[in-house]
Amino acid sequence: MQTDTSQESNAPLARYIEQLRAMEIDIEAMDTHAARIRQDQLEFVLVVAADEPAFFQLMLPGVWQAAETTTRTLLLETANEVMNTLKAAKLVVHNEAVHVSVEQFVEGPDQGVALIPGLLELLKSAVAEFQERLGMGEAPRVH
């Protein structure tokens, strides 16, 4: 019984992985609710909510690192400007690093998979907008 439950809760993420691989997107499971997507030398994280499989979050962590001389107010203002420009992308400043994400409710994994390629581009656009305003940052995320 326990095996069936874990397979059932993992089913939405497994469907994302299977369908995105079929689209030739480099994706691998990190755990039962998260997967890593590699594209254009960036590592995205896809998380399918444990308690709500119709919800997912796509993140691009640590895309911009503030230097010691970076004014925090400027950093926060720039994050807000980019969010206001792109609307769907959310930028979070944590420990002087900038993380970008988007969250979606979908009818199921099939609809989510259809959105992923465009959302990957949205997150890359958010990073480009941020870098255009503040430069490349202390240590841009390159893998």
C-alpha atoms as a PDB file:
ATOM      1  CA  MET A   1       0.000   0.000   0.000  1.00  0.00           C
ATOM      2  CA  GLN A   2       2.750   2.440   0.883  1.00  0.00           C
ATOM      3  CA  THR A   3       4.422   1.901  -2.494  1.00  0.00           C
ATOM      4  CA  ASP A   4       1.190   2.727  -4.338  1.00  0.00           C
ATOM      5  CA  THR A   5       0.811   5.997  -2.402  1.00  0.00           C
ATOM      6  CA  SER A   6       4.363   7.151  -3.186  1.00  0.00           C
ATOM      7  CA  GLN A   7       3.912   6.292  -6.859  1.00  0.00           C
ATOM      8  CA  GLU A   8       0.620   8.160  -6.900  1.00  0.00           C
ATOM      9  CA  SER A   9       2.099  11.313  -5.318  1.00  0.00           C
ATOM     10  CA  ASN A  10       5.101  11.135  -7.670  1.00  0.00           C
ATOM     11  CA  ALA A  11       2.928  10.619 -10.775  1.00  0.00           C
ATOM     12  CA  PRO A  12       2.532  14.319 -11.726  1.00  0.00           C
ATOM     13  CA  LEU A  13       6.295  14.990 -11.578  1.00  0.00           C
ATOM     14  CA  ALA A  14       7.009  11.744 -13.426  1.00  0.00           C
ATOM     15  CA  ARG A  15       4.631  12.849 -16.203  1.00  0.00           C
ATOM     16  CA  TYR A  16       6.391  16.226 -16.426  1.00  0.00           C
ATOM     17  CA  ILE A  17       9.760  14.487 -16.694  1.00  0.00           C
ATOM     18  CA  GLU A  18       8.576  11.975 -19.302  1.00  0.00           C
ATOM     19  CA  GLN A  19       6.883  14.570 -21.499  1.00  0.00           C
ATOM     20  CA  LEU A  20       9.652  17.188 -21.225  1.00  0.00           C
ATOM     21  CA  ARG A  21      12.278  14.577 -22.124  1.00  0.00           C
ATOM     22  CA  ALA A  22      10.168  13.728 -25.186  1.00  0.00           C
ATOM     23  CA  MET A  23      10.492  17.433 -26.100  1.00  0.00           C
ATOM     24  CA  GLU A  24      14.286  17.005 -25.775  1.00  0.00           C
ATOM     25  CA  ILE A  25      14.472  19.119 -22.621  1.00  0.00           C
ATOM     26  CA  ASP A  26      17.267  18.016 -20.262  1.00  0.00           C
ATOM     27  CA  ILE A  27      15.438  17.166 -17.025  1.00  0.00           C
ATOM     28  CA  GLU A  28      16.119  14.841 -14.088  1.00  0.00           C
ATOM     29  CA  ALA A  29      14.380  14.179 -10.788  1.00  0.00           C
ATOM     30  CA  MET A  30      15.960  15.682  -7.664  1.00  0.00           C
ATOM     31  CA  ASP A  31      13.431  14.139  -5.261  1.00  0.00           C
ATOM     32  CA  THR A  32       9.754  13.131  -5.334  1.00  0.00           C
ATOM     33  CA  HIS A  33       8.480  16.669  -6.006  1.00  0.00           C
ATOM     34  CA  ALA A  34      11.365  18.488  -7.689  1.00  0.00           C
ATOM     35  CA  ALA A  35      13.323  18.164 -10.912  1.00  0.00           C
ATOM     36  CA  ARG A  36      16.334  19.956 -12.384  1.00  0.00           C
ATOM     37  CA  ILE A  37      16.117  21.337 -15.918  1.00  0.00           C
ATOM     38  CA  ARG A  38      19.340  22.309 -17.693  1.00  0.00           C
ATOM     39  CA  GLN A  39      19.189  24.726 -20.589  1.00  0.00           C
ATOM     40  CA  ASP A  40      21.590  27.320 -21.979  1.00  0.00           C
ATOM     41  CA  GLN A  41      24.120  26.638 -19.182  1.00  0.00           C
ATOM     42  CA  LEU A  42      21.467  27.420 -16.541  1.00  0.00           C
ATOM     43  CA  GLU A  43      19.893  25.119 -13.960  1.00  0.00           C
ATOM     44  CA  PHE A  44      16.187  25.594 -13.382  1.00  0.00           C
ATOM     45  CA  VAL A  45      14.212  23.824 -10.671  1.00  0.00           C
ATOM     46  CA  LEU A  46      10.671  22.547 -11.274  1.00  0.00           C
ATOM     47  CA  VAL A  47       8.653  21.856  -8.145  1.00  0.00           C
ATOM     48  CA  VAL A  48       5.237  20.190  -8.215  1.00  0.00           C
ATOM     49  CA  ALA A  49       3.378  20.850  -4.976  1.00  0.00           C
ATOM     50  CA  ALA A  50       2.988  17.795  -2.766  1.00  0.00           C
ATOM     51  CA  ASP A  51      -0.495  18.731  -1.606  1.00  0.00           C
ATOM     52  CA  GLU A  52      -1.723  20.242  -4.897  1.00  0.00           C
ATOM     53  CA  PRO A  53      -0.487  18.574  -8.113  1.00  0.00           C
ATOM     54  CA  ALA A  54      -2.270  21.265 -10.182  1.00  0.00           C
ATOM     55  CA  PHE A  55       0.278  23.800  -8.860  1.00  0.00           C
ATOM     56  CA  PHE A  56       3.895  24.065  -9.928  1.00  0.00           C
ATOM     57  CA  GLN A  57       6.759  26.489  -9.522  1.00  0.00           C
ATOM     58  CA  LEU A  58       9.636  26.943 -11.952  1.00  0.00           C
ATOM     59  CA  MET A  59      12.699  28.622 -10.443  1.00  0.00           C
ATOM     60  CA  LEU A  60      16.062  29.896 -11.555  1.00  0.00           C
ATOM     61  CA  PRO A  61      17.999  30.274  -8.299  1.00  0.00           C
ATOM     62  CA  GLY A  62      21.056  32.438  -7.698  1.00  0.00           C
ATOM     63  CA  VAL A  63      21.039  34.248 -11.043  1.00  0.00           C
ATOM     64  CA  TRP A  64      22.665  37.429  -9.767  1.00  0.00           C
ATOM     65  CA  GLN A  65      24.992  37.989  -6.838  1.00  0.00           C
ATOM     66  CA  ALA A  66      25.366  41.424  -5.253  1.00  0.00           C
ATOM     67  CA  ALA A  67      28.831  42.827  -4.646  1.00  0.00           C
ATOM     68  CA  GLU A  68      29.683  44.320  -1.254  1.00  0.00           C
ATOM     69  CA  THR A  69      29.342  47.751  -2.845  1.00  0.00           C
ATOM     70  CA  THR A  70      25.820  47.089  -4.195  1.00  0.00           C
ATOM     71  CA  THR A  71      23.238  49.381  -2.644  1.00  0.00           C
ATOM     72  CA  ARG A  72      20.453  47.184  -1.243  1.00  0.00           C
ATOM     73  CA  THR A  73      17.828  49.822  -2.046  1.00  0.00           C
ATOM     74  CA  LEU A  74      18.906  49.830  -5.696  1.00  0.00           C
ATOM     75  CA  LEU A  75      18.832  46.031  -5.731  1.00  0.00           C
ATOM     76  CA  LEU A  76      15.275  45.927  -4.364  1.00  0.00           C
ATOM     77  CA  GLU A  77      14.062  48.736  -6.642  1.00  0.00           C
ATOM     78  CA  THR A  78      15.491  46.953  -9.682  1.00  0.00           C
ATOM     79  CA  ALA A  79      13.843  43.667  -8.675  1.00  0.00           C
ATOM     80  CA  ASN A  80      10.505  45.494  -8.380  1.00  0.00           C
ATOM     81  CA  GLU A  81      10.971  47.227 -11.750  1.00  0.00           C
ATOM     82  CA  VAL A  82      11.657  43.920 -13.493  1.00  0.00           C
ATOM     83  CA  MET A  83       8.639  42.280 -11.824  1.00  0.00           C
ATOM     84  CA  ASN A  84       6.440  45.204 -12.876  1.00  0.00           C
ATOM     85  CA  THR A  85       7.764  44.969 -16.444  1.00  0.00           C
ATOM     86  CA  LEU A  86       7.320  41.218 -16.879  1.00  0.00           C
ATOM     87  CA  LYS A  87       4.323  40.743 -14.541  1.00  0.00           C
ATOM     88  CA  ALA A  88       4.450  36.926 -14.297  1.00  0.00           C
ATOM     89  CA  ALA A  89       8.067  36.517 -13.153  1.00  0.00           C
ATOM     90  CA  LYS A  90       8.813  36.995  -9.464  1.00  0.00           C
ATOM     91  CA  LEU A  91      12.222  38.068  -8.221  1.00  0.00           C
ATOM     92  CA  VAL A  92      13.346  37.361  -4.680  1.00  0.00           C
ATOM     93  CA  VAL A  93      16.406  38.876  -3.026  1.00  0.00           C
ATOM     94  CA  HIS A  94      17.773  36.581  -0.325  1.00  0.00           C
ATOM     95  CA  ASN A  95      21.261  36.763   1.190  1.00  0.00           C
ATOM     96  CA  GLU A  96      22.244  39.305  -1.487  1.00  0.00           C
ATOM     97  CA  ALA A  97      21.457  36.840  -4.292  1.00  0.00           C
ATOM     98  CA  VAL A  98      18.597  37.233  -6.742  1.00  0.00           C
ATOM     99  CA  HIS A  99      16.336  34.270  -7.529  1.00  0.00           C
ATOM    100  CA  VAL A 100      13.687  34.291 -10.267  1.00  0.00           C
ATOM    101  CA  SER A 101      10.545  32.157 -10.364  1.00  0.00           C
ATOM    102  CA  VAL A 102       7.097  31.754 -11.828  1.00  0.00           C
ATOM    103  CA  GLU A 103       4.155  29.894 -10.312  1.00  0.00           C
ATOM    104  CA  GLN A 104       1.178  28.412 -12.142  1.00  0.00           C
ATOM    105  CA  PHE A 105      -2.019  26.529 -11.494  1.00  0.00           C
ATOM    106  CA  VAL A 106      -2.806  24.128 -14.324  1.00  0.00           C
ATOM    107  CA  GLU A 107      -5.438  21.513 -15.049  1.00  0.00           C
ATOM    108  CA  GLY A 108      -2.741  18.868 -14.925  1.00  0.00           C
ATOM    109  CA  PRO A 109       0.764  17.941 -16.035  1.00  0.00           C
ATOM    110  CA  ASP A 110      -0.152  18.016 -19.749  1.00  0.00           C
ATOM    111  CA  GLN A 111      -1.071  21.694 -19.538  1.00  0.00           C
ATOM    112  CA  GLY A 112       1.961  22.404 -17.341  1.00  0.00           C
ATOM    113  CA  VAL A 113       4.323  20.732 -19.813  1.00  0.00           C
ATOM    114  CA  ALA A 114       2.901  22.854 -22.629  1.00  0.00           C
ATOM    115  CA  LEU A 115       3.739  25.996 -20.620  1.00  0.00           C
ATOM    116  CA  ILE A 116       7.273  25.046 -19.542  1.00  0.00           C
ATOM    117  CA  PRO A 117       9.202  26.067 -22.714  1.00  0.00           C
ATOM    118  CA  GLY A 118       7.668  29.552 -22.662  1.00  0.00           C
ATOM    119  CA  LEU A 119       8.215  29.892 -18.922  1.00  0.00           C
ATOM    120  CA  LEU A 120      11.881  28.957 -19.306  1.00  0.00           C
ATOM    121  CA  GLU A 121      12.179  31.832 -21.780  1.00  0.00           C
ATOM    122  CA  LEU A 122      10.279  34.148 -19.419  1.00  0.00           C
ATOM    123  CA  LEU A 123      12.751  33.459 -16.616  1.00  0.00           C
ATOM    124  CA  LYS A 124      15.705  34.011 -18.946  1.00  0.00           C
ATOM    125  CA  SER A 125      14.114  37.309 -20.008  1.00  0.00           C
ATOM    126  CA  ALA A 126      13.756  38.353 -16.371  1.00  0.00           C
ATOM    127  CA  VAL A 127      17.461  37.677 -15.805  1.00  0.00           C
ATOM    128  CA  ALA A 128      18.370  39.627 -18.952  1.00  0.00           C
ATOM    129  CA  GLU A 129      16.196  42.582 -17.836  1.00  0.00           C
ATOM    130  CA  PHE A 130      17.807  42.551 -14.400  1.00  0.00           C
ATOM    131  CA  GLN A 131      21.324  42.358 -15.841  1.00  0.00           C
ATOM    132  CA  GLU A 132      20.557  45.131 -18.319  1.00  0.00           C
ATOM    133  CA  ARG A 133      19.718  47.419 -15.402  1.00  0.00           C
ATOM    134  CA  LEU A 134      22.435  46.390 -12.907  1.00  0.00           C
ATOM    135  CA  GLY A 135      25.107  44.657 -14.963  1.00  0.00           C
ATOM    136  CA  MET A 136      26.268  41.071 -14.703  1.00  0.00           C
ATOM    137  CA  GLY A 137      26.627  41.028 -10.918  1.00  0.00           C
ATOM    138  CA  GLU A 138      29.482  39.860  -8.743  1.00  0.00           C
ATOM    139  CA  ALA A 139      29.253  36.194  -9.767  1.00  0.00           C
ATOM    140  CA  PRO A 140      26.739  35.422 -12.514  1.00  0.00           C
ATOM    141  CA  ARG A 141      25.437  31.860 -12.404  1.00  0.00           C
ATOM    142  CA  VAL A 142      27.191  29.856 -15.103  1.00  0.00           C
ATOM    143  CA  HIS A 143      27.501  26.072 -14.956  1.00  0.00           C
END
